[in-house]
């Protein structure tokens, strides 16, 4: 996603495919930095990404509540069909991983931080 908030690529990849995927995306797009959540293994990933042949600037963003927010966004992007429409939104579970939506939200948080202050 660029400063114009246009989404260029969205996918969920396994941890062992991250570096290859980033390298492929670098060939297609001018990537200047990586925005990622600040929890779990963030410091290890930040270290790995800054040690690449072409090091990437890494910005860590507070990811608290991003999974809940991503579930809400999922249902905005993919409105429930059939009997799922009858369930309250808080009881519905997306049928696919939503890590890509979490990533979008973290980028949006970063961009909001840039424009707000």
PDB file of N, CA and C in Angstrom:
ATOM      1  N   UNK A   1       0.855  -1.164   0.000  1.00  0.00           N
ATOM      2  CA  UNK A   1       0.000   0.000   0.000  1.00  0.00           C
ATOM      3  C   UNK A   1       0.898   1.223   0.000  1.00  0.00           C
ATOM      4  N   UNK A   2       0.562   2.170  -0.857  1.00  0.00           N
ATOM      5  CA  UNK A   2       1.354   3.380  -0.949  1.00  0.00           C
ATOM      6  C   UNK A   2       0.768   4.511  -0.122  1.00  0.00           C
ATOM      7  N   UNK A   3       1.433   5.668  -0.166  1.00  0.00           N
ATOM      8  CA  UNK A   3       0.948   6.833   0.563  1.00  0.00           C
ATOM      9  C   UNK A   3      -0.444   7.244   0.113  1.00  0.00           C
ATOM     10  N   UNK A   4      -0.772   6.931  -1.137  1.00  0.00           N
ATOM     11  CA  UNK A   4      -2.105   7.238  -1.658  1.00  0.00           C
ATOM     12  C   UNK A   4      -3.147   6.225  -1.193  1.00  0.00           C
ATOM     13  N   UNK A   5      -2.701   5.261  -0.391  1.00  0.00           N
ATOM     14  CA  UNK A   5      -3.545   4.193   0.180  1.00  0.00           C
ATOM     15  C   UNK A   5      -4.073   3.233  -0.872  1.00  0.00           C
ATOM     16  N   UNK A   6      -3.421   3.224  -2.016  1.00  0.00           N
ATOM     17  CA  UNK A   6      -3.769   2.244  -3.049  1.00  0.00           C
ATOM     18  C   UNK A   6      -3.081   0.927  -2.700  1.00  0.00           C
ATOM     19  N   UNK A   7      -3.857  -0.134  -2.683  1.00  0.00           N
ATOM     20  CA  UNK A   7      -3.332  -1.453  -2.342  1.00  0.00           C
ATOM     21  C   UNK A   7      -2.742  -2.099  -3.589  1.00  0.00           C
ATOM     22  N   UNK A   8      -1.469  -2.477  -3.527  1.00  0.00           N
ATOM     23  CA  UNK A   8      -0.788  -3.083  -4.662  1.00  0.00           C
ATOM     24  C   UNK A   8      -0.761  -4.602  -4.590  1.00  0.00           C
ATOM     25  N   UNK A   9      -0.691  -5.138  -3.393  1.00  0.00           N
ATOM     26  CA  UNK A   9      -0.562  -6.590  -3.235  1.00  0.00           C
ATOM     27  C   UNK A   9      -1.114  -6.977  -1.872  1.00  0.00           C
ATOM     28  N   UNK A  10      -1.781  -8.116  -1.838  1.00  0.00           N
ATOM     29  CA  UNK A  10      -2.314  -8.615  -0.569  1.00  0.00           C
ATOM     30  C   UNK A  10      -2.307 -10.132  -0.618  1.00  0.00           C
ATOM     31  N   UNK A  11      -1.640 -10.755   0.358  1.00  0.00           N
ATOM     32  CA  UNK A  11      -1.631 -12.217   0.437  1.00  0.00           C
ATOM     33  C   UNK A  11      -1.173 -12.641   1.826  1.00  0.00           C
ATOM     34  N   UNK A  12      -1.426 -13.900   2.134  1.00  0.00           N
ATOM     35  CA  UNK A  12      -0.932 -14.511   3.365  1.00  0.00           C
ATOM     36  C   UNK A  12       0.107 -15.535   2.936  1.00  0.00           C
ATOM     37  N   UNK A  13       1.318 -15.427   3.488  1.00  0.00           N
ATOM     38  CA  UNK A  13       2.378 -16.381   3.157  1.00  0.00           C
ATOM     39  C   UNK A  13       2.907 -17.005   4.441  1.00  0.00           C
ATOM     40  N   UNK A  14       3.491 -18.180   4.311  1.00  0.00           N
ATOM     41  CA  UNK A  14       4.087 -18.839   5.473  1.00  0.00           C
ATOM     42  C   UNK A  14       5.388 -18.133   5.845  1.00  0.00           C
ATOM     43  N   UNK A  15       5.816 -18.308   7.080  1.00  0.00           N
ATOM     44  CA  UNK A  15       7.026 -17.638   7.563  1.00  0.00           C
ATOM     45  C   UNK A  15       8.243 -17.976   6.711  1.00  0.00           C
ATOM     46  N   UNK A  16       8.340 -19.223   6.249  1.00  0.00           N
ATOM     47  CA  UNK A  16       9.513 -19.598   5.457  1.00  0.00           C
ATOM     48  C   UNK A  16       9.479 -19.011   4.044  1.00  0.00           C
ATOM     49  N   UNK A  17       8.360 -18.442   3.626  1.00  0.00           N
ATOM     50  CA  UNK A  17       8.258 -17.843   2.288  1.00  0.00           C
ATOM     51  C   UNK A  17       8.339 -16.315   2.318  1.00  0.00           C
ATOM     52  N   UNK A  18       8.458 -15.734   3.498  1.00  0.00           N
ATOM     53  CA  UNK A  18       8.428 -14.274   3.616  1.00  0.00           C
ATOM     54  C   UNK A  18       9.552 -13.607   2.837  1.00  0.00           C
ATOM     55  N   UNK A  19      10.781 -14.034   3.047  1.00  0.00           N
ATOM     56  CA  UNK A  19      11.911 -13.366   2.399  1.00  0.00           C
ATOM     57  C   UNK A  19      11.842 -13.487   0.881  1.00  0.00           C
ATOM     58  N   UNK A  20      11.501 -14.658   0.384  1.00  0.00           N
ATOM     59  CA  UNK A  20      11.358 -14.849  -1.063  1.00  0.00           C
ATOM     60  C   UNK A  20      10.255 -13.958  -1.606  1.00  0.00           C
ATOM     61  N   UNK A  21       9.146 -13.891  -0.905  1.00  0.00           N
ATOM     62  CA  UNK A  21       8.026 -13.053  -1.344  1.00  0.00           C
ATOM     63  C   UNK A  21       8.424 -11.583  -1.365  1.00  0.00           C
ATOM     64  N   UNK A  22       9.129 -11.128  -0.345  1.00  0.00           N
ATOM     65  CA  UNK A  22       9.583  -9.732  -0.303  1.00  0.00           C
ATOM     66  C   UNK A  22      10.507  -9.449  -1.480  1.00  0.00           C
ATOM     67  N   UNK A  23      11.432 -10.357  -1.762  1.00  0.00           N
ATOM     68  CA  UNK A  23      12.351 -10.157  -2.886  1.00  0.00           C
ATOM     69  C   UNK A  23      11.595 -10.091  -4.209  1.00  0.00           C
ATOM     70  N   UNK A  24      10.592 -10.934  -4.380  1.00  0.00           N
ATOM     71  CA  UNK A  24       9.781 -10.896  -5.602  1.00  0.00           C
ATOM     72  C   UNK A  24       9.017  -9.578  -5.705  1.00  0.00           C
ATOM     73  N   UNK A  25       8.474  -9.127  -4.594  1.00  0.00           N
ATOM     74  CA  UNK A  25       7.733  -7.865  -4.603  1.00  0.00           C
ATOM     75  C   UNK A  25       8.651  -6.674  -4.851  1.00  0.00           C
ATOM     76  N   UNK A  26       9.897  -6.747  -4.367  1.00  0.00           N
ATOM     77  CA  UNK A  26      10.861  -5.672  -4.607  1.00  0.00           C
ATOM     78  C   UNK A  26      11.183  -5.534  -6.091  1.00  0.00           C
ATOM     79  N   UNK A  27      11.080  -6.619  -6.833  1.00  0.00           N
ATOM     80  CA  UNK A  27      11.321  -6.562  -8.272  1.00  0.00           C
ATOM     81  C   UNK A  27      10.163  -5.886  -9.002  1.00  0.00           C
ATOM     82  N   UNK A  28       8.969  -5.935  -8.420  1.00  0.00           N
ATOM     83  CA  UNK A  28       7.786  -5.350  -9.052  1.00  0.00           C
ATOM     84  C   UNK A  28       7.475  -3.935  -8.570  1.00  0.00           C
ATOM     85  N   UNK A  29       7.784  -3.651  -7.296  1.00  0.00           N
ATOM     86  CA  UNK A  29       7.384  -2.384  -6.690  1.00  0.00           C
ATOM     87  C   UNK A  29       8.567  -1.737  -5.968  1.00  0.00           C
ATOM     88  N   UNK A  30       8.583  -0.408  -5.896  1.00  0.00           N
ATOM     89  CA  UNK A  30       9.650   0.281  -5.156  1.00  0.00           C
ATOM     90  C   UNK A  30       9.347   0.285  -3.656  1.00  0.00           C
ATOM     91  N   UNK A  31       9.764  -0.747  -2.966  1.00  0.00           N
ATOM     92  CA  UNK A  31       9.484  -0.873  -1.532  1.00  0.00           C
ATOM     93  C   UNK A  31      10.537  -0.092  -0.753  1.00  0.00           C
ATOM     94  N   UNK A  32      10.081   0.880   0.030  1.00  0.00           N
ATOM     95  CA  UNK A  32      11.021   1.694   0.797  1.00  0.00           C
ATOM     96  C   UNK A  32      11.050   1.319   2.275  1.00  0.00           C
ATOM     97  N   UNK A  33       9.967   0.710   2.763  1.00  0.00           N
ATOM     98  CA  UNK A  33       9.960   0.275   4.156  1.00  0.00           C
ATOM     99  C   UNK A  33       8.916  -0.809   4.355  1.00  0.00           C
ATOM    100  N   UNK A  34       9.060  -1.500   5.462  1.00  0.00           N
ATOM    101  CA  UNK A  34       8.122  -2.550   5.865  1.00  0.00           C
ATOM    102  C   UNK A  34       7.461  -2.094   7.162  1.00  0.00           C
ATOM    103  N   UNK A  35       6.148  -2.174   7.209  1.00  0.00           N
ATOM    104  CA  UNK A  35       5.392  -1.879   8.421  1.00  0.00           C
ATOM    105  C   UNK A  35       4.941  -3.213   8.990  1.00  0.00           C
ATOM    106  N   UNK A  36       5.217  -3.432  10.276  1.00  0.00           N
ATOM    107  CA  UNK A  36       4.803  -4.690  10.889  1.00  0.00           C
ATOM    108  C   UNK A  36       4.399  -4.475  12.338  1.00  0.00           C
ATOM    109  N   UNK A  37       3.646  -5.426  12.862  1.00  0.00           N
ATOM    110  CA  UNK A  37       3.194  -5.358  14.245  1.00  0.00           C
ATOM    111  C   UNK A  37       4.345  -5.490  15.219  1.00  0.00           C
ATOM    112  N   UNK A  38       4.150  -4.970  16.418  1.00  0.00           N
ATOM    113  CA  UNK A  38       5.228  -4.916  17.405  1.00  0.00           C
ATOM    114  C   UNK A  38       5.206  -6.054  18.422  1.00  0.00           C
ATOM    115  N   UNK A  39       4.383  -7.063  18.206  1.00  0.00           N
ATOM    116  CA  UNK A  39       4.267  -8.154  19.172  1.00  0.00           C
ATOM    117  C   UNK A  39       5.054  -9.393  18.721  1.00  0.00           C
ATOM    118  N   UNK A  40       4.905 -10.463  19.445  1.00  0.00           N
ATOM    119  CA  UNK A  40       5.441 -11.801  19.180  1.00  0.00           C
ATOM    120  C   UNK A  40       6.884 -11.774  18.709  1.00  0.00           C
ATOM    121  N   UNK A  41       7.145 -12.090  17.444  1.00  0.00           N
ATOM    122  CA  UNK A  41       8.527 -12.226  16.955  1.00  0.00           C
ATOM    123  C   UNK A  41       8.981 -11.009  16.158  1.00  0.00           C
ATOM    124  N   UNK A  42       8.429  -9.852  16.450  1.00  0.00           N
ATOM    125  CA  UNK A  42       8.731  -8.640  15.682  1.00  0.00           C
ATOM    126  C   UNK A  42      10.214  -8.285  15.691  1.00  0.00           C
ATOM    127  N   UNK A  43      10.863  -8.376  16.842  1.00  0.00           N
ATOM    128  CA  UNK A  43      12.274  -7.969  16.902  1.00  0.00           C
ATOM    129  C   UNK A  43      13.160  -8.885  16.069  1.00  0.00           C
ATOM    130  N   UNK A  44      12.846 -10.187  16.045  1.00  0.00           N
ATOM    131  CA  UNK A  44      13.630 -11.113  15.221  1.00  0.00           C
ATOM    132  C   UNK A  44      13.442 -10.815  13.732  1.00  0.00           C
ATOM    133  N   UNK A  45      12.188 -10.564  13.327  1.00  0.00           N
ATOM    134  CA  UNK A  45      11.927 -10.240  11.922  1.00  0.00           C
ATOM    135  C   UNK A  45      12.578  -8.919  11.532  1.00  0.00           C
ATOM    136  N   UNK A  46      12.528  -7.950  12.425  1.00  0.00           N
ATOM    137  CA  UNK A  46      13.149  -6.654  12.131  1.00  0.00           C
ATOM    138  C   UNK A  46      14.642  -6.835  11.897  1.00  0.00           C
ATOM    139  N   UNK A  47      15.279  -7.606  12.748  1.00  0.00           N
ATOM    140  CA  UNK A  47      16.714  -7.888  12.594  1.00  0.00           C
ATOM    141  C   UNK A  47      16.992  -8.564  11.252  1.00  0.00           C
ATOM    142  N   UNK A  48      16.201  -9.565  10.904  1.00  0.00           N
ATOM    143  CA  UNK A  48      16.378 -10.288   9.640  1.00  0.00           C
ATOM    144  C   UNK A  48      16.227  -9.357   8.447  1.00  0.00           C
ATOM    145  N   UNK A  49      15.205  -8.518   8.460  1.00  0.00           N
ATOM    146  CA  UNK A  49      14.929  -7.644   7.318  1.00  0.00           C
ATOM    147  C   UNK A  49      15.966  -6.542   7.157  1.00  0.00           C
ATOM    148  N   UNK A  50      16.560  -6.100   8.256  1.00  0.00           N
ATOM    149  CA  UNK A  50      17.584  -5.064   8.148  1.00  0.00           C
ATOM    150  C   UNK A  50      18.945  -5.642   7.774  1.00  0.00           C
ATOM    151  N   UNK A  51      19.076  -6.970   7.782  1.00  0.00           N
ATOM    152  CA  UNK A  51      20.338  -7.624   7.423  1.00  0.00           C
ATOM    153  C   UNK A  51      20.341  -8.142   5.981  1.00  0.00           C
ATOM    154  N   UNK A  52      19.274  -7.902   5.240  1.00  0.00           N
ATOM    155  CA  UNK A  52      19.208  -8.369   3.853  1.00  0.00           C
ATOM    156  C   UNK A  52      20.262  -7.686   3.001  1.00  0.00           C
ATOM    157  N   UNK A  53      20.498  -8.254   1.816  1.00  0.00           N
ATOM    158  CA  UNK A  53      21.458  -7.665   0.885  1.00  0.00           C
ATOM    159  C   UNK A  53      21.069  -6.217   0.575  1.00  0.00           C
ATOM    160  N   UNK A  54      19.782  -5.987   0.380  1.00  0.00           N
ATOM    161  CA  UNK A  54      19.245  -4.633   0.259  1.00  0.00           C
ATOM    162  C   UNK A  54      18.393  -4.397   1.506  1.00  0.00           C
ATOM    163  N   UNK A  55      18.990  -3.871   2.582  1.00  0.00           N
ATOM    164  CA  UNK A  55      18.276  -3.751   3.853  1.00  0.00           C
ATOM    165  C   UNK A  55      17.000  -2.921   3.719  1.00  0.00           C
ATOM    166  N   UNK A  56      16.002  -3.307   4.476  1.00  0.00           N
ATOM    167  CA  UNK A  56      14.733  -2.593   4.481  1.00  0.00           C
ATOM    168  C   UNK A  56      14.546  -1.870   5.803  1.00  0.00           C
ATOM    169  N   UNK A  57      14.035  -0.675   5.729  1.00  0.00           N
ATOM    170  CA  UNK A  57      13.662   0.057   6.939  1.00  0.00           C
ATOM    171  C   UNK A  57      12.389  -0.589   7.473  1.00  0.00           C
ATOM    172  N   UNK A  58      12.358  -0.857   8.770  1.00  0.00           N
ATOM    173  CA  UNK A  58      11.219  -1.534   9.385  1.00  0.00           C
ATOM    174  C   UNK A  58      10.605  -0.617  10.436  1.00  0.00           C
ATOM    175  N   UNK A  59       9.303  -0.417  10.322  1.00  0.00           N
ATOM    176  CA  UNK A  59       8.551   0.379  11.286  1.00  0.00           C
ATOM    177  C   UNK A  59       7.652  -0.571  12.068  1.00  0.00           C
ATOM    178  N   UNK A  60       7.776  -0.542  13.388  1.00  0.00           N
ATOM    179  CA  UNK A  60       6.922  -1.376  14.238  1.00  0.00           C
ATOM    180  C   UNK A  60       5.731  -0.547  14.715  1.00  0.00           C
ATOM    181  N   UNK A  61       4.539  -1.121  14.565  1.00  0.00           N
ATOM    182  CA  UNK A  61       3.292  -0.444  14.913  1.00  0.00           C
ATOM    183  C   UNK A  61       2.568  -1.242  15.992  1.00  0.00           C
ATOM    184  N   UNK A  62       1.965  -0.529  16.922  1.00  0.00           N
ATOM    185  CA  UNK A  62       1.163  -1.172  17.968  1.00  0.00           C
ATOM    186  C   UNK A  62       0.063  -1.996  17.307  1.00  0.00           C
ATOM    187  N   UNK A  63       0.084  -3.296  17.551  1.00  0.00           N
ATOM    188  CA  UNK A  63      -0.892  -4.165  16.887  1.00  0.00           C
ATOM    189  C   UNK A  63      -2.015  -4.631  17.812  1.00  0.00           C
ATOM    190  N   UNK A  64      -2.114  -4.017  18.977  1.00  0.00           N
ATOM    191  CA  UNK A  64      -3.203  -4.408  19.881  1.00  0.00           C
ATOM    192  C   UNK A  64      -4.558  -4.217  19.210  1.00  0.00           C
ATOM    193  N   UNK A  65      -5.407  -5.196  19.378  1.00  0.00           N
ATOM    194  CA  UNK A  65      -6.786  -5.211  18.857  1.00  0.00           C
ATOM    195  C   UNK A  65      -6.873  -5.286  17.331  1.00  0.00           C
ATOM    196  N   UNK A  66      -5.750  -5.460  16.653  1.00  0.00           N
ATOM    197  CA  UNK A  66      -5.787  -5.495  15.188  1.00  0.00           C
ATOM    198  C   UNK A  66      -6.512  -6.731  14.659  1.00  0.00           C
ATOM    199  N   UNK A  67      -6.446  -7.841  15.372  1.00  0.00           N
ATOM    200  CA  UNK A  67      -7.155  -9.044  14.911  1.00  0.00           C
ATOM    201  C   UNK A  67      -8.669  -8.856  14.981  1.00  0.00           C
ATOM    202  N   UNK A  68      -9.138  -8.227  16.046  1.00  0.00           N
ATOM    203  CA  UNK A  68     -10.577  -7.954  16.159  1.00  0.00           C
ATOM    204  C   UNK A  68     -11.024  -6.971  15.083  1.00  0.00           C
ATOM    205  N   UNK A  69     -10.219  -5.945  14.866  1.00  0.00           N
ATOM    206  CA  UNK A  69     -10.535  -4.959  13.832  1.00  0.00           C
ATOM    207  C   UNK A  69     -10.509  -5.604  12.445  1.00  0.00           C
ATOM    208  N   UNK A  70      -9.578  -6.535  12.245  1.00  0.00           N
ATOM    209  CA  UNK A  70      -9.474  -7.226  10.952  1.00  0.00           C
ATOM    210  C   UNK A  70     -10.693  -8.106  10.698  1.00  0.00           C
ATOM    211  N   UNK A  71     -11.211  -8.718  11.746  1.00  0.00           N
ATOM    212  CA  UNK A  71     -12.435  -9.517  11.565  1.00  0.00           C
ATOM    213  C   UNK A  71     -13.588  -8.639  11.108  1.00  0.00           C
ATOM    214  N   UNK A  72     -13.716  -7.471  11.723  1.00  0.00           N
ATOM    215  CA  UNK A  72     -14.765  -6.534  11.295  1.00  0.00           C
ATOM    216  C   UNK A  72     -14.564  -6.123   9.839  1.00  0.00           C
ATOM    217  N   UNK A  73     -13.314  -5.819   9.475  1.00  0.00           N
ATOM    218  CA  UNK A  73     -13.023  -5.406   8.093  1.00  0.00           C
ATOM    219  C   UNK A  73     -13.293  -6.548   7.123  1.00  0.00           C
ATOM    220  N   UNK A  74     -12.978  -7.781   7.539  1.00  0.00           N
ATOM    221  CA  UNK A  74     -13.239  -8.942   6.682  1.00  0.00           C
ATOM    222  C   UNK A  74     -14.711  -8.980   6.286  1.00  0.00           C
ATOM    223  N   UNK A  75     -15.594  -8.783   7.259  1.00  0.00           N
ATOM    224  CA  UNK A  75     -17.031  -8.862   6.963  1.00  0.00           C
ATOM    225  C   UNK A  75     -17.503  -7.670   6.138  1.00  0.00           C
ATOM    226  N   UNK A  76     -16.784  -6.546   6.198  1.00  0.00           N
ATOM    227  CA  UNK A  76     -17.095  -5.426   5.300  1.00  0.00           C
ATOM    228  C   UNK A  76     -16.703  -5.769   3.867  1.00  0.00           C
ATOM    229  N   UNK A  77     -15.542  -6.416   3.721  1.00  0.00           N
ATOM    230  CA  UNK A  77     -15.049  -6.795   2.391  1.00  0.00           C
ATOM    231  C   UNK A  77     -15.792  -7.992   1.816  1.00  0.00           C
ATOM    232  N   UNK A  78     -16.217  -8.887   2.699  1.00  0.00           N
ATOM    233  CA  UNK A  78     -16.888 -10.131   2.286  1.00  0.00           C
ATOM    234  C   UNK A  78     -18.171 -10.295   3.101  1.00  0.00           C
ATOM    235  N   UNK A  79     -19.238  -9.593   2.726  1.00  0.00           N
ATOM    236  CA  UNK A  79     -20.479  -9.688   3.511  1.00  0.00           C
ATOM    237  C   UNK A  79     -20.942 -11.138   3.643  1.00  0.00           C
ATOM    238  N   UNK A  80     -21.451 -11.491   4.822  1.00  0.00           N
ATOM    239  CA  UNK A  80     -21.882 -12.877   5.047  1.00  0.00           C
ATOM    240  C   UNK A  80     -23.027 -13.264   4.112  1.00  0.00           C
ATOM    241  N   UNK A  81     -23.031 -14.523   3.749  1.00  0.00           N
ATOM    242  CA  UNK A  81     -24.056 -15.066   2.857  1.00  0.00           C
ATOM    243  C   UNK A  81     -24.854 -16.134   3.603  1.00  0.00           C
ATOM    244  N   UNK A  82     -26.044 -16.400   3.124  1.00  0.00           N
ATOM    245  CA  UNK A  82     -26.856 -17.490   3.667  1.00  0.00           C
ATOM    246  C   UNK A  82     -27.122 -17.332   5.149  1.00  0.00           C
ATOM    247  N   UNK A  83     -27.029 -18.461   5.864  1.00  0.00           N
ATOM    248  CA  UNK A  83     -27.337 -18.470   7.296  1.00  0.00           C
ATOM    249  C   UNK A  83     -26.366 -17.634   8.113  1.00  0.00           C
ATOM    250  N   UNK A  84     -25.151 -17.386   7.587  1.00  0.00           N
ATOM    251  CA  UNK A  84     -24.161 -16.566   8.307  1.00  0.00           C
ATOM    252  C   UNK A  84     -24.698 -15.155   8.577  1.00  0.00           C
ATOM    253  N   UNK A  85     -25.577 -14.669   7.692  1.00  0.00           N
ATOM    254  CA  UNK A  85     -26.140 -13.326   7.875  1.00  0.00           C
ATOM    255  C   UNK A  85     -26.963 -13.233   9.155  1.00  0.00           C
ATOM    256  N   UNK A  86     -27.483 -14.372   9.611  1.00  0.00           N
ATOM    257  CA  UNK A  86     -28.337 -14.381  10.796  1.00  0.00           C
ATOM    258  C   UNK A  86     -27.544 -14.325  12.100  1.00  0.00           C
ATOM    259  N   UNK A  87     -26.268 -14.706  12.039  1.00  0.00           N
ATOM    260  CA  UNK A  87     -25.427 -14.690  13.242  1.00  0.00           C
ATOM    261  C   UNK A  87     -24.976 -13.269  13.556  1.00  0.00           C
ATOM    262  N   UNK A  88     -24.927 -12.912  14.834  1.00  0.00           N
ATOM    263  CA  UNK A  88     -24.324 -11.622  15.182  1.00  0.00           C
ATOM    264  C   UNK A  88     -22.865 -11.609  14.714  1.00  0.00           C
ATOM    265  N   UNK A  89     -22.398 -10.459  14.276  1.00  0.00           N
ATOM    266  CA  UNK A  89     -21.047 -10.368  13.708  1.00  0.00           C
ATOM    267  C   UNK A  89     -19.977 -10.905  14.653  1.00  0.00           C
ATOM    268  N   UNK A  90     -20.121 -10.675  15.944  1.00  0.00           N
ATOM    269  CA  UNK A  90     -19.130 -11.148  16.908  1.00  0.00           C
ATOM    270  C   UNK A  90     -19.032 -12.658  17.005  1.00  0.00           C
ATOM    271  N   UNK A  91     -20.031 -13.366  16.524  1.00  0.00           N
ATOM    272  CA  UNK A  91     -20.022 -14.833  16.576  1.00  0.00           C
ATOM    273  C   UNK A  91     -19.539 -15.461  15.270  1.00  0.00           C
ATOM    274  N   UNK A  92     -19.405 -14.669  14.222  1.00  0.00           N
ATOM    275  CA  UNK A  92     -18.956 -15.204  12.927  1.00  0.00           C
ATOM    276  C   UNK A  92     -17.440 -15.349  12.920  1.00  0.00           C
ATOM    277  N   UNK A  93     -16.975 -16.394  12.256  1.00  0.00           N
ATOM    278  CA  UNK A  93     -15.539 -16.608  12.075  1.00  0.00           C
ATOM    279  C   UNK A  93     -15.223 -16.600  10.584  1.00  0.00           C
ATOM    280  N   UNK A  94     -14.256 -15.799  10.139  1.00  0.00           N
ATOM    281  CA  UNK A  94     -13.863 -15.849   8.731  1.00  0.00           C
ATOM    282  C   UNK A  94     -13.394 -17.249   8.361  1.00  0.00           C
ATOM    283  N   UNK A  95     -13.641 -17.634   7.132  1.00  0.00           N
ATOM    284  CA  UNK A  95     -13.284 -18.985   6.681  1.00  0.00           C
ATOM    285  C   UNK A  95     -11.845 -19.072   6.188  1.00  0.00           C
ATOM    286  N   UNK A  96     -11.145 -17.948   6.134  1.00  0.00           N
ATOM    287  CA  UNK A  96      -9.758 -17.909   5.663  1.00  0.00           C
ATOM    288  C   UNK A  96      -8.922 -17.097   6.654  1.00  0.00           C
ATOM    289  N   UNK A  97      -7.590 -17.277   6.641  1.00  0.00           N
ATOM    290  CA  UNK A  97      -6.738 -16.451   7.504  1.00  0.00           C
ATOM    291  C   UNK A  97      -6.911 -14.967   7.159  1.00  0.00           C
ATOM    292  N   UNK A  98      -6.840 -14.121   8.164  1.00  0.00           N
ATOM    293  CA  UNK A  98      -7.029 -12.685   7.939  1.00  0.00           C
ATOM    294  C   UNK A  98      -5.759 -11.881   8.219  1.00  0.00           C
ATOM    295  N   UNK A  99      -4.618 -12.543   8.189  1.00  0.00           N
ATOM    296  CA  UNK A  99      -3.347 -11.861   8.445  1.00  0.00           C
ATOM    297  C   UNK A  99      -3.085 -10.739   7.442  1.00  0.00           C
ATOM    298  N   UNK A 100      -3.534 -10.926   6.200  1.00  0.00           N
ATOM    299  CA  UNK A 100      -3.346  -9.881   5.195  1.00  0.00           C
ATOM    300  C   UNK A 100      -4.163  -8.639   5.532  1.00  0.00           C
ATOM    301  N   UNK A 101      -5.335  -8.836   6.105  1.00  0.00           N
ATOM    302  CA  UNK A 101      -6.163  -7.695   6.502  1.00  0.00           C
ATOM    303  C   UNK A 101      -5.546  -7.004   7.713  1.00  0.00           C
ATOM    304  N   UNK A 102      -4.990  -7.783   8.634  1.00  0.00           N
ATOM    305  CA  UNK A 102      -4.268  -7.196   9.773  1.00  0.00           C
ATOM    306  C   UNK A 102      -3.130  -6.325   9.247  1.00  0.00           C
ATOM    307  N   UNK A 103      -2.397  -6.817   8.260  1.00  0.00           N
ATOM    308  CA  UNK A 103      -1.292  -6.043   7.682  1.00  0.00           C
ATOM    309  C   UNK A 103      -1.800  -4.732   7.082  1.00  0.00           C
ATOM    310  N   UNK A 104      -2.916  -4.797   6.369  1.00  0.00           N
ATOM    311  CA  UNK A 104      -3.499  -3.575   5.803  1.00  0.00           C
ATOM    312  C   UNK A 104      -3.822  -2.568   6.908  1.00  0.00           C
ATOM    313  N   UNK A 105      -4.392  -3.054   7.989  1.00  0.00           N
ATOM    314  CA  UNK A 105      -4.762  -2.171   9.094  1.00  0.00           C
ATOM    315  C   UNK A 105      -3.532  -1.541   9.749  1.00  0.00           C
ATOM    316  N   UNK A 106      -2.460  -2.314   9.878  1.00  0.00           N
ATOM    317  CA  UNK A 106      -1.231  -1.766  10.461  1.00  0.00           C
ATOM    318  C   UNK A 106      -0.652  -0.675   9.569  1.00  0.00           C
ATOM    319  N   UNK A 107      -0.704  -0.881   8.260  1.00  0.00           N
ATOM    320  CA  UNK A 107      -0.234   0.153   7.330  1.00  0.00           C
ATOM    321  C   UNK A 107      -1.117   1.388   7.447  1.00  0.00           C
ATOM    322  N   UNK A 108      -2.418   1.190   7.540  1.00  0.00           N
ATOM    323  CA  UNK A 108      -3.329   2.327   7.699  1.00  0.00           C
ATOM    324  C   UNK A 108      -3.025   3.084   8.989  1.00  0.00           C
ATOM    325  N   UNK A 109      -2.734   2.364  10.070  1.00  0.00           N
ATOM    326  CA  UNK A 109      -2.379   3.023  11.333  1.00  0.00           C
ATOM    327  C   UNK A 109      -1.117   3.863  11.149  1.00  0.00           C
ATOM    328  N   UNK A 110      -0.135   3.301  10.456  1.00  0.00           N
ATOM    329  CA  UNK A 110       1.106   4.032  10.202  1.00  0.00           C
ATOM    330  C   UNK A 110       0.837   5.291   9.378  1.00  0.00           C
ATOM    331  N   UNK A 111       0.073   5.155   8.297  1.00  0.00           N
ATOM    332  CA  UNK A 111      -0.224   6.305   7.441  1.00  0.00           C
ATOM    333  C   UNK A 111      -1.038   7.357   8.196  1.00  0.00           C
ATOM    334  N   UNK A 112      -1.967   6.915   9.034  1.00  0.00           N
ATOM    335  CA  UNK A 112      -2.737   7.865   9.851  1.00  0.00           C
ATOM    336  C   UNK A 112      -1.817   8.635  10.789  1.00  0.00           C
ATOM    337  N   UNK A 113      -0.854   7.934  11.347  1.00  0.00           N
ATOM    338  CA  UNK A 113       0.107   8.578  12.249  1.00  0.00           C
ATOM    339  C   UNK A 113       0.922   9.636  11.501  1.00  0.00           C
ATOM    340  N   UNK A 114       1.262   9.352  10.245  1.00  0.00           N
ATOM    341  CA  UNK A 114       2.014  10.315   9.435  1.00  0.00           C
ATOM    342  C   UNK A 114       1.194  11.566   9.145  1.00  0.00           C
ATOM    343  N   UNK A 115      -0.070  11.369   8.817  1.00  0.00           N
ATOM    344  CA  UNK A 115      -0.903  12.505   8.418  1.00  0.00           C
ATOM    345  C   UNK A 115      -1.448  13.291   9.604  1.00  0.00           C
ATOM    346  N   UNK A 116      -1.488  12.662  10.775  1.00  0.00           N
ATOM    347  CA  UNK A 116      -2.017  13.348  11.954  1.00  0.00           C
ATOM    348  C   UNK A 116      -0.968  14.179  12.681  1.00  0.00           C
ATOM    349  N   UNK A 117       0.276  13.850  12.455  1.00  0.00           N
ATOM    350  CA  UNK A 117       1.177  14.568  13.295  1.00  0.00           C
ATOM    351  C   UNK A 117       2.487  14.887  12.782  1.00  0.00           C
TER     352      UNK A 117
END
